[in-house]
Amino acid sequence: MKNGLRGWFGIHTAEDDLVDLIQVASTDETIRTQLIAILSQDDFTRQSMINTWLAELRLESAPAALIRALADLIDNDKARTALALLTRQKG
């Protein structure tokens, strides 16, 4: 119940941002393709690519929600889950 109330009171977590990013990627082929390319790398390469992208986004003052969502993909398990969701949507 506590988790369900978060959105009602404006509390947004990195996991919520990640879900939003995956939803956007499911409708935007460019974003989806870029995420799949990054998430398909080995763990070290994926983490390096994401950290580089995050540095660029911070310099560009990108939305905090996007930065939180991408930072969440540094986690190996979350990255694998996101990749599975994005590739499952392909077919």
PDB file of N, CA and C in Angstrom:
ATOM      1  N   MET A   1       0.826  -1.190   0.000  1.00  0.00           N
ATOM      2  CA  MET A   1       0.000   0.000   0.000  1.00  0.00           C
ATOM      3  C   MET A   1       0.867   1.249   0.000  1.00  0.00           C
ATOM      4  N   LYS A   2       1.915   1.252   0.793  1.00  0.00           N
ATOM      5  CA  LYS A   2       2.796   2.410   0.891  1.00  0.00           C
ATOM      6  C   LYS A   2       3.365   2.778  -0.480  1.00  0.00           C
ATOM      7  N   ASN A   3       3.817   1.782  -1.243  1.00  0.00           N
ATOM      8  CA  ASN A   3       4.373   2.048  -2.566  1.00  0.00           C
ATOM      9  C   ASN A   3       3.321   2.595  -3.513  1.00  0.00           C
ATOM     10  N   GLY A   4       2.110   2.132  -3.413  1.00  0.00           N
ATOM     11  CA  GLY A   4       1.052   2.601  -4.283  1.00  0.00           C
ATOM     12  C   GLY A   4       0.688   4.063  -4.059  1.00  0.00           C
ATOM     13  N   LEU A   5       0.945   4.569  -2.872  1.00  0.00           N
ATOM     14  CA  LEU A   5       0.615   5.956  -2.546  1.00  0.00           C
ATOM     15  C   LEU A   5       1.676   6.946  -3.003  1.00  0.00           C
ATOM     16  N   ARG A   6       2.853   6.461  -3.346  1.00  0.00           N
ATOM     17  CA  ARG A   6       3.942   7.369  -3.711  1.00  0.00           C
ATOM     18  C   ARG A   6       3.571   8.329  -4.829  1.00  0.00           C
ATOM     19  N   GLY A   7       3.035   7.790  -5.912  1.00  0.00           N
ATOM     20  CA  GLY A   7       2.692   8.622  -7.058  1.00  0.00           C
ATOM     21  C   GLY A   7       1.634   9.671  -6.734  1.00  0.00           C
ATOM     22  N   TRP A   8       0.757   9.362  -5.802  1.00  0.00           N
ATOM     23  CA  TRP A   8      -0.303  10.295  -5.432  1.00  0.00           C
ATOM     24  C   TRP A   8       0.254  11.519  -4.722  1.00  0.00           C
ATOM     25  N   PHE A   9       1.352  11.351  -4.034  1.00  0.00           N
ATOM     26  CA  PHE A   9       1.901  12.439  -3.238  1.00  0.00           C
ATOM     27  C   PHE A   9       3.171  13.023  -3.843  1.00  0.00           C
ATOM     28  N   GLY A  10       3.388  12.764  -5.115  1.00  0.00           N
ATOM     29  CA  GLY A  10       4.507  13.377  -5.818  1.00  0.00           C
ATOM     30  C   GLY A  10       5.865  12.769  -5.540  1.00  0.00           C
ATOM     31  N   ILE A  11       5.911  11.639  -4.886  1.00  0.00           N
ATOM     32  CA  ILE A  11       7.187  10.983  -4.623  1.00  0.00           C
ATOM     33  C   ILE A  11       7.482  10.076  -5.803  1.00  0.00           C
ATOM     34  N   HIS A  12       8.583  10.336  -6.466  1.00  0.00           N
ATOM     35  CA  HIS A  12       8.936   9.593  -7.677  1.00  0.00           C
ATOM     36  C   HIS A  12      10.311   8.972  -7.461  1.00  0.00           C
ATOM     37  N   THR A  13      10.419   7.683  -7.624  1.00  0.00           N
ATOM     38  CA  THR A  13      11.683   6.993  -7.390  1.00  0.00           C
ATOM     39  C   THR A  13      12.426   6.764  -8.700  1.00  0.00           C
ATOM     40  N   ALA A  14      13.682   6.352  -8.593  1.00  0.00           N
ATOM     41  CA  ALA A  14      14.468   6.007  -9.779  1.00  0.00           C
ATOM     42  C   ALA A  14      13.807   4.853 -10.528  1.00  0.00           C
ATOM     43  N   GLU A  15      13.205   3.923  -9.791  1.00  0.00           N
ATOM     44  CA  GLU A  15      12.523   2.805 -10.437  1.00  0.00           C
ATOM     45  C   GLU A  15      11.329   3.297 -11.251  1.00  0.00           C
ATOM     46  N   ASP A  16      10.606   4.281 -10.720  1.00  0.00           N
ATOM     47  CA  ASP A  16       9.490   4.865 -11.472  1.00  0.00           C
ATOM     48  C   ASP A  16      10.009   5.507 -12.753  1.00  0.00           C
ATOM     49  N   ASP A  17      11.131   6.212 -12.642  1.00  0.00           N
ATOM     50  CA  ASP A  17      11.730   6.859 -13.810  1.00  0.00           C
ATOM     51  C   ASP A  17      12.166   5.823 -14.836  1.00  0.00           C
ATOM     52  N   LEU A  18      12.696   4.700 -14.356  1.00  0.00           N
ATOM     53  CA  LEU A  18      13.129   3.635 -15.260  1.00  0.00           C
ATOM     54  C   LEU A  18      11.929   3.042 -16.003  1.00  0.00           C
ATOM     55  N   VAL A  19      10.842   2.831 -15.297  1.00  0.00           N
ATOM     56  CA  VAL A  19       9.621   2.327 -15.941  1.00  0.00           C
ATOM     57  C   VAL A  19       9.162   3.315 -17.014  1.00  0.00           C
ATOM     58  N   ASP A  20       9.202   4.601 -16.688  1.00  0.00           N
ATOM     59  CA  ASP A  20       8.821   5.625 -17.670  1.00  0.00           C
ATOM     60  C   ASP A  20       9.725   5.573 -18.896  1.00  0.00           C
ATOM     61  N   LEU A  21      11.034   5.413 -18.680  1.00  0.00           N
ATOM     62  CA  LEU A  21      11.984   5.349 -19.792  1.00  0.00           C
ATOM     63  C   LEU A  21      11.693   4.143 -20.682  1.00  0.00           C
ATOM     64  N   ILE A  22      11.402   3.004 -20.087  1.00  0.00           N
ATOM     65  CA  ILE A  22      11.098   1.803 -20.869  1.00  0.00           C
ATOM     66  C   ILE A  22       9.793   1.993 -21.643  1.00  0.00           C
ATOM     67  N   GLN A  23       8.833   2.667 -21.043  1.00  0.00           N
ATOM     68  CA  GLN A  23       7.580   2.938 -21.752  1.00  0.00           C
ATOM     69  C   GLN A  23       7.818   3.854 -22.950  1.00  0.00           C
ATOM     70  N   VAL A  24       8.651   4.881 -22.766  1.00  0.00           N
ATOM     71  CA  VAL A  24       8.980   5.769 -23.886  1.00  0.00           C
ATOM     72  C   VAL A  24       9.703   4.986 -24.972  1.00  0.00           C
ATOM     73  N   ALA A  25      10.655   4.151 -24.555  1.00  0.00           N
ATOM     74  CA  ALA A  25      11.426   3.362 -25.526  1.00  0.00           C
ATOM     75  C   ALA A  25      10.538   2.389 -26.295  1.00  0.00           C
ATOM     76  N   SER A  26       9.458   1.962 -25.691  1.00  0.00           N
ATOM     77  CA  SER A  26       8.572   1.024 -26.387  1.00  0.00           C
ATOM     78  C   SER A  26       7.793   1.705 -27.509  1.00  0.00           C
ATOM     79  N   THR A  27       7.715   3.033 -27.475  1.00  0.00           N
ATOM     80  CA  THR A  27       6.999   3.759 -28.523  1.00  0.00           C
ATOM     81  C   THR A  27       7.923   4.566 -29.430  1.00  0.00           C
ATOM     82  N   ASP A  28       9.165   4.763 -29.013  1.00  0.00           N
ATOM     83  CA  ASP A  28      10.123   5.541 -29.805  1.00  0.00           C
ATOM     84  C   ASP A  28      11.256   4.616 -30.243  1.00  0.00           C
ATOM     85  N   GLU A  29      11.261   4.269 -31.518  1.00  0.00           N
ATOM     86  CA  GLU A  29      12.218   3.284 -32.039  1.00  0.00           C
ATOM     87  C   GLU A  29      13.668   3.741 -31.890  1.00  0.00           C
ATOM     88  N   THR A  30      13.934   5.027 -32.009  1.00  0.00           N
ATOM     89  CA  THR A  30      15.301   5.536 -31.879  1.00  0.00           C
ATOM     90  C   THR A  30      15.833   5.306 -30.468  1.00  0.00           C
ATOM     91  N   ILE A  31      15.035   5.659 -29.476  1.00  0.00           N
ATOM     92  CA  ILE A  31      15.443   5.464 -28.080  1.00  0.00           C
ATOM     93  C   ILE A  31      15.567   3.979 -27.782  1.00  0.00           C
ATOM     94  N   ARG A  32      14.604   3.208 -28.255  1.00  0.00           N
ATOM     95  CA  ARG A  32      14.616   1.757 -28.029  1.00  0.00           C
ATOM     96  C   ARG A  32      15.878   1.126 -28.606  1.00  0.00           C
ATOM     97  N   THR A  33      16.216   1.492 -29.835  1.00  0.00           N
ATOM     98  CA  THR A  33      17.400   0.940 -30.496  1.00  0.00           C
ATOM     99  C   THR A  33      18.670   1.312 -29.739  1.00  0.00           C
ATOM    100  N   GLN A  34      18.760   2.563 -29.297  1.00  0.00           N
ATOM    101  CA  GLN A  34      19.943   3.008 -28.556  1.00  0.00           C
ATOM    102  C   GLN A  34      20.066   2.269 -27.224  1.00  0.00           C
ATOM    103  N   LEU A  35      18.959   2.137 -26.510  1.00  0.00           N
ATOM    104  CA  LEU A  35      19.005   1.427 -25.231  1.00  0.00           C
ATOM    105  C   LEU A  35      19.371  -0.042 -25.416  1.00  0.00           C
ATOM    106  N   ILE A  36      18.791  -0.690 -26.414  1.00  0.00           N
ATOM    107  CA  ILE A  36      19.112  -2.102 -26.657  1.00  0.00           C
ATOM    108  C   ILE A  36      20.593  -2.253 -26.992  1.00  0.00           C
ATOM    109  N   ALA A  37      21.127  -1.352 -27.794  1.00  0.00           N
ATOM    110  CA  ALA A  37      22.551  -1.424 -28.150  1.00  0.00           C
ATOM    111  C   ALA A  37      23.437  -1.309 -26.916  1.00  0.00           C
ATOM    112  N   ILE A  38      23.091  -0.418 -26.020  1.00  0.00           N
ATOM    113  CA  ILE A  38      23.884  -0.236 -24.798  1.00  0.00           C
ATOM    114  C   ILE A  38      23.687  -1.411 -23.847  1.00  0.00           C
ATOM    115  N   LEU A  39      22.443  -1.818 -23.656  1.00  0.00           N
ATOM    116  CA  LEU A  39      22.147  -2.887 -22.699  1.00  0.00           C
ATOM    117  C   LEU A  39      22.639  -4.251 -23.165  1.00  0.00           C
ATOM    118  N   SER A  40      22.925  -4.395 -24.439  1.00  0.00           N
ATOM    119  CA  SER A  40      23.417  -5.669 -24.978  1.00  0.00           C
ATOM    120  C   SER A  40      24.910  -5.874 -24.740  1.00  0.00           C
ATOM    121  N   GLN A  41      25.594  -4.859 -24.274  1.00  0.00           N
ATOM    122  CA  GLN A  41      27.034  -4.953 -24.030  1.00  0.00           C
ATOM    123  C   GLN A  41      27.310  -5.764 -22.759  1.00  0.00           C
ATOM    124  N   ASP A  42      28.557  -6.181 -22.599  1.00  0.00           N
ATOM    125  CA  ASP A  42      28.937  -6.824 -21.338  1.00  0.00           C
ATOM    126  C   ASP A  42      28.813  -5.781 -20.220  1.00  0.00           C
ATOM    127  N   ASP A  43      28.790  -6.244 -18.976  1.00  0.00           N
ATOM    128  CA  ASP A  43      28.518  -5.360 -17.840  1.00  0.00           C
ATOM    129  C   ASP A  43      29.457  -4.154 -17.788  1.00  0.00           C
ATOM    130  N   PHE A  44      30.758  -4.391 -17.906  1.00  0.00           N
ATOM    131  CA  PHE A  44      31.725  -3.294 -17.803  1.00  0.00           C
ATOM    132  C   PHE A  44      31.512  -2.261 -18.904  1.00  0.00           C
ATOM    133  N   THR A  45      31.347  -2.731 -20.132  1.00  0.00           N
ATOM    134  CA  THR A  45      31.162  -1.817 -21.263  1.00  0.00           C
ATOM    135  C   THR A  45      29.859  -1.048 -21.122  1.00  0.00           C
ATOM    136  N   ARG A  46      28.784  -1.746 -20.730  1.00  0.00           N
ATOM    137  CA  ARG A  46      27.488  -1.089 -20.529  1.00  0.00           C
ATOM    138  C   ARG A  46      27.598   0.003 -19.477  1.00  0.00           C
ATOM    139  N   GLN A  47      28.220  -0.320 -18.360  1.00  0.00           N
ATOM    140  CA  GLN A  47      28.360   0.660 -17.286  1.00  0.00           C
ATOM    141  C   GLN A  47      29.196   1.858 -17.736  1.00  0.00           C
ATOM    142  N   SER A  48      30.250   1.611 -18.485  1.00  0.00           N
ATOM    143  CA  SER A  48      31.088   2.701 -18.998  1.00  0.00           C
ATOM    144  C   SER A  48      30.308   3.587 -19.960  1.00  0.00           C
ATOM    145  N   MET A  49      29.552   2.963 -20.855  1.00  0.00           N
ATOM    146  CA  MET A  49      28.758   3.728 -21.818  1.00  0.00           C
ATOM    147  C   MET A  49      27.698   4.572 -21.108  1.00  0.00           C
ATOM    148  N   ILE A  50      27.051   3.989 -20.127  1.00  0.00           N
ATOM    149  CA  ILE A  50      26.023   4.728 -19.391  1.00  0.00           C
ATOM    150  C   ILE A  50      26.650   5.881 -18.615  1.00  0.00           C
ATOM    151  N   ASN A  51      27.781   5.636 -17.971  1.00  0.00           N
ATOM    152  CA  ASN A  51      28.443   6.711 -17.225  1.00  0.00           C
ATOM    153  C   ASN A  51      28.868   7.854 -18.143  1.00  0.00           C
ATOM    154  N   THR A  52      29.334   7.529 -19.337  1.00  0.00           N
ATOM    155  CA  THR A  52      29.697   8.565 -20.306  1.00  0.00           C
ATOM    156  C   THR A  52      28.460   9.350 -20.724  1.00  0.00           C
ATOM    157  N   TRP A  53      27.390   8.634 -21.024  1.00  0.00           N
ATOM    158  CA  TRP A  53      26.139   9.271 -21.424  1.00  0.00           C
ATOM    159  C   TRP A  53      25.605  10.158 -20.295  1.00  0.00           C
ATOM    160  N   LEU A  54      25.681   9.660 -19.054  1.00  0.00           N
ATOM    161  CA  LEU A  54      25.221  10.442 -17.910  1.00  0.00           C
ATOM    162  C   LEU A  54      26.018  11.734 -17.766  1.00  0.00           C
ATOM    163  N   ALA A  55      27.327  11.655 -17.952  1.00  0.00           N
ATOM    164  CA  ALA A  55      28.164  12.855 -17.856  1.00  0.00           C
ATOM    165  C   ALA A  55      27.739  13.887 -18.902  1.00  0.00           C
ATOM    166  N   GLU A  56      27.475  13.414 -20.115  1.00  0.00           N
ATOM    167  CA  GLU A  56      27.027  14.317 -21.185  1.00  0.00           C
ATOM    168  C   GLU A  56      25.673  14.933 -20.840  1.00  0.00           C
ATOM    169  N   LEU A  57      24.760  14.117 -20.339  1.00  0.00           N
ATOM    170  CA  LEU A  57      23.427  14.613 -20.003  1.00  0.00           C
ATOM    171  C   LEU A  57      23.478  15.636 -18.874  1.00  0.00           C
ATOM    172  N   ARG A  58      24.344  15.406 -17.904  1.00  0.00           N
ATOM    173  CA  ARG A  58      24.484  16.373 -16.803  1.00  0.00           C
ATOM    174  C   ARG A  58      25.022  17.704 -17.319  1.00  0.00           C
ATOM    175  N   LEU A  59      25.983  17.654 -18.233  1.00  0.00           N
ATOM    176  CA  LEU A  59      26.519  18.886 -18.825  1.00  0.00           C
ATOM    177  C   LEU A  59      25.450  19.640 -19.607  1.00  0.00           C
ATOM    178  N   GLU A  60      24.527  18.896 -20.201  1.00  0.00           N
ATOM    179  CA  GLU A  60      23.444  19.495 -20.989  1.00  0.00           C
ATOM    180  C   GLU A  60      22.233  19.866 -20.127  1.00  0.00           C
ATOM    181  N   SER A  61      22.349  19.662 -18.812  1.00  0.00           N
ATOM    182  CA  SER A  61      21.237  19.925 -17.884  1.00  0.00           C
ATOM    183  C   SER A  61      19.971  19.173 -18.297  1.00  0.00           C
ATOM    184  N   ALA A  62      20.144  17.907 -18.610  1.00  0.00           N
ATOM    185  CA  ALA A  62      19.015  17.048 -18.985  1.00  0.00           C
ATOM    186  C   ALA A  62      18.076  16.877 -17.790  1.00  0.00           C
ATOM    187  N   PRO A  63      16.846  16.482 -18.052  1.00  0.00           N
ATOM    188  CA  PRO A  63      15.888  16.272 -16.955  1.00  0.00           C
ATOM    189  C   PRO A  63      16.414  15.259 -15.930  1.00  0.00           C
ATOM    190  N   ALA A  64      16.200  15.582 -14.669  1.00  0.00           N
ATOM    191  CA  ALA A  64      16.672  14.722 -13.581  1.00  0.00           C
ATOM    192  C   ALA A  64      16.084  13.318 -13.680  1.00  0.00           C
ATOM    193  N   ALA A  65      14.845  13.206 -14.127  1.00  0.00           N
ATOM    194  CA  ALA A  65      14.203  11.891 -14.236  1.00  0.00           C
ATOM    195  C   ALA A  65      14.938  11.004 -15.235  1.00  0.00           C
ATOM    196  N   LEU A  66      15.396  11.583 -16.338  1.00  0.00           N
ATOM    197  CA  LEU A  66      16.151  10.815 -17.328  1.00  0.00           C
ATOM    198  C   LEU A  66      17.482  10.362 -16.744  1.00  0.00           C
ATOM    199  N   ILE A  67      18.143  11.244 -16.038  1.00  0.00           N
ATOM    200  CA  ILE A  67      19.428  10.902 -15.420  1.00  0.00           C
ATOM    201  C   ILE A  67      19.248   9.791 -14.392  1.00  0.00           C
ATOM    202  N   ARG A  68      18.209   9.885 -13.570  1.00  0.00           N
ATOM    203  CA  ARG A  68      17.955   8.829 -12.566  1.00  0.00           C
ATOM    204  C   ARG A  68      17.655   7.495 -13.235  1.00  0.00           C
ATOM    205  N   ALA A  69      16.865   7.521 -14.296  1.00  0.00           N
ATOM    206  CA  ALA A  69      16.495   6.280 -14.989  1.00  0.00           C
ATOM    207  C   ALA A  69      17.719   5.615 -15.594  1.00  0.00           C
ATOM    208  N   LEU A  70      18.552   6.392 -16.271  1.00  0.00           N
ATOM    209  CA  LEU A  70      19.757   5.813 -16.874  1.00  0.00           C
ATOM    210  C   LEU A  70      20.730   5.327 -15.810  1.00  0.00           C
ATOM    211  N   ALA A  71      20.855   6.072 -14.730  1.00  0.00           N
ATOM    212  CA  ALA A  71      21.748   5.656 -13.644  1.00  0.00           C
ATOM    213  C   ALA A  71      21.296   4.322 -13.064  1.00  0.00           C
ATOM    214  N   ASP A  72      19.999   4.085 -13.057  1.00  0.00           N
ATOM    215  CA  ASP A  72      19.466   2.817 -12.562  1.00  0.00           C
ATOM    216  C   ASP A  72      19.932   1.643 -13.424  1.00  0.00           C
ATOM    217  N   LEU A  73      20.222   1.905 -14.704  1.00  0.00           N
ATOM    218  CA  LEU A  73      20.649   0.841 -15.621  1.00  0.00           C
ATOM    219  C   LEU A  73      22.113   0.447 -15.432  1.00  0.00           C
ATOM    220  N   ILE A  74      22.816   1.088 -14.523  1.00  0.00           N
ATOM    221  CA  ILE A  74      24.171   0.654 -14.176  1.00  0.00           C
ATOM    222  C   ILE A  74      24.096  -0.674 -13.423  1.00  0.00           C
ATOM    223  N   ASP A  75      23.013  -0.873 -12.689  1.00  0.00           N
ATOM    224  CA  ASP A  75      22.788  -2.116 -11.954  1.00  0.00           C
ATOM    225  C   ASP A  75      22.597  -3.264 -12.949  1.00  0.00           C
ATOM    226  N   ASN A  76      23.386  -4.327 -12.782  1.00  0.00           N
ATOM    227  CA  ASN A  76      23.365  -5.452 -13.725  1.00  0.00           C
ATOM    228  C   ASN A  76      21.993  -6.112 -13.842  1.00  0.00           C
ATOM    229  N   ASP A  77      21.336  -6.364 -12.720  1.00  0.00           N
ATOM    230  CA  ASP A  77      20.032  -7.034 -12.755  1.00  0.00           C
ATOM    231  C   ASP A  77      18.970  -6.161 -13.422  1.00  0.00           C
ATOM    232  N   LYS A  78      18.964  -4.887 -13.105  1.00  0.00           N
ATOM    233  CA  LYS A  78      17.987  -3.981 -13.714  1.00  0.00           C
ATOM    234  C   LYS A  78      18.244  -3.837 -15.207  1.00  0.00           C
ATOM    235  N   ALA A  79      19.512  -3.816 -15.591  1.00  0.00           N
ATOM    236  CA  ALA A  79      19.851  -3.712 -17.018  1.00  0.00           C
ATOM    237  C   ALA A  79      19.376  -4.953 -17.771  1.00  0.00           C
ATOM    238  N   ARG A  80      19.574  -6.133 -17.185  1.00  0.00           N
ATOM    239  CA  ARG A  80      19.125  -7.369 -17.837  1.00  0.00           C
ATOM    240  C   ARG A  80      17.600  -7.401 -17.966  1.00  0.00           C
ATOM    241  N   THR A  81      16.919  -6.959 -16.920  1.00  0.00           N
ATOM    242  CA  THR A  81      15.456  -6.921 -16.962  1.00  0.00           C
ATOM    243  C   THR A  81      14.972  -5.941 -18.024  1.00  0.00           C
ATOM    244  N   ALA A  82      15.585  -4.766 -18.074  1.00  0.00           N
ATOM    245  CA  ALA A  82      15.198  -3.763 -19.076  1.00  0.00           C
ATOM    246  C   ALA A  82      15.439  -4.294 -20.484  1.00  0.00           C
ATOM    247  N   LEU A  83      16.577  -4.952 -20.695  1.00  0.00           N
ATOM    248  CA  LEU A  83      16.876  -5.514 -22.014  1.00  0.00           C
ATOM    249  C   LEU A  83      15.841  -6.571 -22.395  1.00  0.00           C
ATOM    250  N   ALA A  84      15.483  -7.419 -21.452  1.00  0.00           N
ATOM    251  CA  ALA A  84      14.475  -8.450 -21.727  1.00  0.00           C
ATOM    252  C   ALA A  84      13.138  -7.817 -22.105  1.00  0.00           C
ATOM    253  N   LEU A  85      12.748  -6.779 -21.400  1.00  0.00           N
ATOM    254  CA  LEU A  85      11.488  -6.101 -21.714  1.00  0.00           C
ATOM    255  C   LEU A  85      11.533  -5.445 -23.090  1.00  0.00           C
ATOM    256  N   LEU A  86      12.633  -4.782 -23.391  1.00  0.00           N
ATOM    257  CA  LEU A  86      12.742  -4.076 -24.672  1.00  0.00           C
ATOM    258  C   LEU A  86      12.819  -5.036 -25.851  1.00  0.00           C
ATOM    259  N   THR A  87      13.502  -6.155 -25.685  1.00  0.00           N
ATOM    260  CA  THR A  87      13.609  -7.102 -26.797  1.00  0.00           C
ATOM    261  C   THR A  87      12.335  -7.928 -26.941  1.00  0.00           C
ATOM    262  N   ARG A  88      11.628  -8.134 -25.858  1.00  0.00           N
ATOM    263  CA  ARG A  88      10.350  -8.849 -25.925  1.00  0.00           C
ATOM    264  C   ARG A  88       9.322  -8.023 -26.692  1.00  0.00           C
ATOM    265  N   GLN A  89       9.379  -6.707 -26.546  1.00  0.00           N
ATOM    266  CA  GLN A  89       8.439  -5.821 -27.230  1.00  0.00           C
ATOM    267  C   GLN A  89       8.675  -5.797 -28.732  1.00  0.00           C
ATOM    268  N   LYS A  90       9.866  -6.184 -29.145  1.00  0.00           N
ATOM    269  CA  LYS A  90      10.241  -6.126 -30.558  1.00  0.00           C
ATOM    270  C   LYS A  90       9.375  -7.045 -31.409  1.00  0.00           C
ATOM    271  N   GLY A  91       9.104  -8.228 -30.897  1.00  0.00           N
ATOM    272  CA  GLY A  91       8.356  -9.205 -31.674  1.00  0.00           C
ATOM    273  C   GLY A  91       6.918  -9.011 -31.533  1.00  0.00           C
TER     274      GLY A  91
END
